[in-house]
Amino acid sequence: MPDIIEVSVSSTALFILMLAFAAVVGPPAASSVASWWSIRLRRWGRALRDAWARYMVAWLREALLRFLNGGGSR
């Protein structure tokens, strides 16, 4: 069985190391997550605008056809 070297680390030192790690790793990770969501929201917004435009074109086409065919109210 190999010898295990034990090193005692105070909780304050461990806390400082965790803060340093979070300061180095946190901002790039948060930036990449924010960037990913930004791209997704932009794509979803574009798809929603496209769907709304298709709906409005179909609605206007139907309204124009009803108007040109006499409206059906006579």
C-alpha atoms as a PDB file:
ATOM      1  CA  MET A   1       0.000   0.000   0.000  1.00  0.00           C
ATOM      2  CA  PRO A   2       1.468   3.384  -0.987  1.00  0.00           C
ATOM      3  CA  ASP A   3       2.245   5.953   1.610  1.00  0.00           C
ATOM      4  CA  ILE A   4      -0.322   8.743   1.745  1.00  0.00           C
ATOM      5  CA  ILE A   5       0.945  12.212   2.452  1.00  0.00           C
ATOM      6  CA  GLU A   6      -1.516  14.247   4.415  1.00  0.00           C
ATOM      7  CA  VAL A   7      -1.368  18.002   4.293  1.00  0.00           C
ATOM      8  CA  SER A   8      -3.521  20.005   6.600  1.00  0.00           C
ATOM      9  CA  VAL A   9      -5.201  22.987   4.967  1.00  0.00           C
ATOM     10  CA  SER A  10      -7.019  25.520   7.028  1.00  0.00           C
ATOM     11  CA  SER A  11     -10.577  26.377   6.096  1.00  0.00           C
ATOM     12  CA  THR A  12      -9.505  29.988   5.472  1.00  0.00           C
ATOM     13  CA  ALA A  13      -6.871  28.919   2.959  1.00  0.00           C
ATOM     14  CA  LEU A  14      -9.361  26.597   1.278  1.00  0.00           C
ATOM     15  CA  PHE A  15     -11.885  29.433   1.083  1.00  0.00           C
ATOM     16  CA  ILE A  16      -9.297  31.747  -0.478  1.00  0.00           C
ATOM     17  CA  LEU A  17      -8.365  29.078  -3.027  1.00  0.00           C
ATOM     18  CA  MET A  18     -12.040  28.572  -3.889  1.00  0.00           C
ATOM     19  CA  LEU A  19     -12.509  32.330  -4.349  1.00  0.00           C
ATOM     20  CA  ALA A  20      -9.452  32.523  -6.603  1.00  0.00           C
ATOM     21  CA  PHE A  21     -10.718  29.587  -8.668  1.00  0.00           C
ATOM     22  CA  ALA A  22     -14.163  31.193  -8.985  1.00  0.00           C
ATOM     23  CA  ALA A  23     -12.600  34.513 -10.018  1.00  0.00           C
ATOM     24  CA  VAL A  24     -10.582  32.828 -12.766  1.00  0.00           C
ATOM     25  CA  VAL A  25     -13.156  30.324 -14.052  1.00  0.00           C
ATOM     26  CA  GLY A  26     -16.432  32.132 -13.301  1.00  0.00           C
ATOM     27  CA  PRO A  27     -16.445  35.052 -15.759  1.00  0.00           C
ATOM     28  CA  PRO A  28     -15.582  33.031 -18.898  1.00  0.00           C
ATOM     29  CA  ALA A  29     -18.127  30.375 -17.951  1.00  0.00           C
ATOM     30  CA  ALA A  30     -20.819  32.981 -17.312  1.00  0.00           C
ATOM     31  CA  SER A  31     -19.934  34.739 -20.554  1.00  0.00           C
ATOM     32  CA  SER A  32     -20.221  31.558 -22.601  1.00  0.00           C
ATOM     33  CA  VAL A  33     -23.587  30.698 -21.027  1.00  0.00           C
ATOM     34  CA  ALA A  34     -24.874  34.230 -21.662  1.00  0.00           C
ATOM     35  CA  SER A  35     -23.610  34.066 -25.238  1.00  0.00           C
ATOM     36  CA  TRP A  36     -25.313  30.702 -25.784  1.00  0.00           C
ATOM     37  CA  TRP A  37     -28.635  32.055 -24.483  1.00  0.00           C
ATOM     38  CA  SER A  38     -28.271  35.210 -26.545  1.00  0.00           C
ATOM     39  CA  ILE A  39     -27.843  33.153 -29.714  1.00  0.00           C
ATOM     40  CA  ARG A  40     -30.825  30.940 -28.843  1.00  0.00           C
ATOM     41  CA  LEU A  41     -33.082  33.903 -28.044  1.00  0.00           C
ATOM     42  CA  ARG A  42     -32.086  35.617 -31.281  1.00  0.00           C
ATOM     43  CA  ARG A  43     -32.939  32.474 -33.274  1.00  0.00           C
ATOM     44  CA  TRP A  44     -36.264  32.015 -31.473  1.00  0.00           C
ATOM     45  CA  GLY A  45     -37.128  35.677 -32.023  1.00  0.00           C
ATOM     46  CA  ARG A  46     -36.331  35.394 -35.716  1.00  0.00           C
ATOM     47  CA  ALA A  47     -38.464  32.254 -36.028  1.00  0.00           C
ATOM     48  CA  LEU A  48     -41.320  33.974 -34.208  1.00  0.00           C
ATOM     49  CA  ARG A  49     -41.111  37.016 -36.494  1.00  0.00           C
ATOM     50  CA  ASP A  50     -41.077  34.755 -39.557  1.00  0.00           C
ATOM     51  CA  ALA A  51     -44.114  32.818 -38.334  1.00  0.00           C
ATOM     52  CA  TRP A  52     -45.972  36.067 -37.583  1.00  0.00           C
ATOM     53  CA  ALA A  53     -45.135  37.436 -41.040  1.00  0.00           C
ATOM     54  CA  ARG A  54     -46.406  34.235 -42.715  1.00  0.00           C
ATOM     55  CA  TYR A  55     -49.610  34.429 -40.675  1.00  0.00           C
ATOM     56  CA  MET A  56     -50.176  38.078 -41.612  1.00  0.00           C
ATOM     57  CA  VAL A  57     -49.558  37.388 -45.324  1.00  0.00           C
ATOM     58  CA  ALA A  58     -52.088  34.534 -45.255  1.00  0.00           C
ATOM     59  CA  TRP A  59     -54.602  36.683 -43.380  1.00  0.00           C
ATOM     60  CA  LEU A  60     -54.186  39.610 -45.805  1.00  0.00           C
ATOM     61  CA  ARG A  61     -54.471  37.258 -48.782  1.00  0.00           C
ATOM     62  CA  GLU A  62     -57.757  35.868 -47.441  1.00  0.00           C
ATOM     63  CA  ALA A  63     -59.083  39.375 -46.711  1.00  0.00           C
ATOM     64  CA  LEU A  64     -58.159  40.537 -50.206  1.00  0.00           C
ATOM     65  CA  LEU A  65     -59.811  37.508 -51.805  1.00  0.00           C
ATOM     66  CA  ARG A  66     -62.986  38.095 -49.772  1.00  0.00           C
ATOM     67  CA  PHE A  67     -62.991  41.734 -50.849  1.00  0.00           C
ATOM     68  CA  LEU A  68     -62.396  40.948 -54.523  1.00  0.00           C
ATOM     69  CA  ASN A  69     -65.037  38.227 -54.544  1.00  0.00           C
ATOM     70  CA  GLY A  70     -67.690  40.602 -53.242  1.00  0.00           C
ATOM     71  CA  GLY A  71     -67.309  40.055 -49.522  1.00  0.00           C
ATOM     72  CA  GLY A  72     -70.089  37.462 -49.315  1.00  0.00           C
ATOM     73  CA  SER A  73     -72.363  39.957 -47.495  1.00  0.00           C
ATOM     74  CA  ARG A  74     -74.759  40.482 -50.425  1.00  0.00           C
END
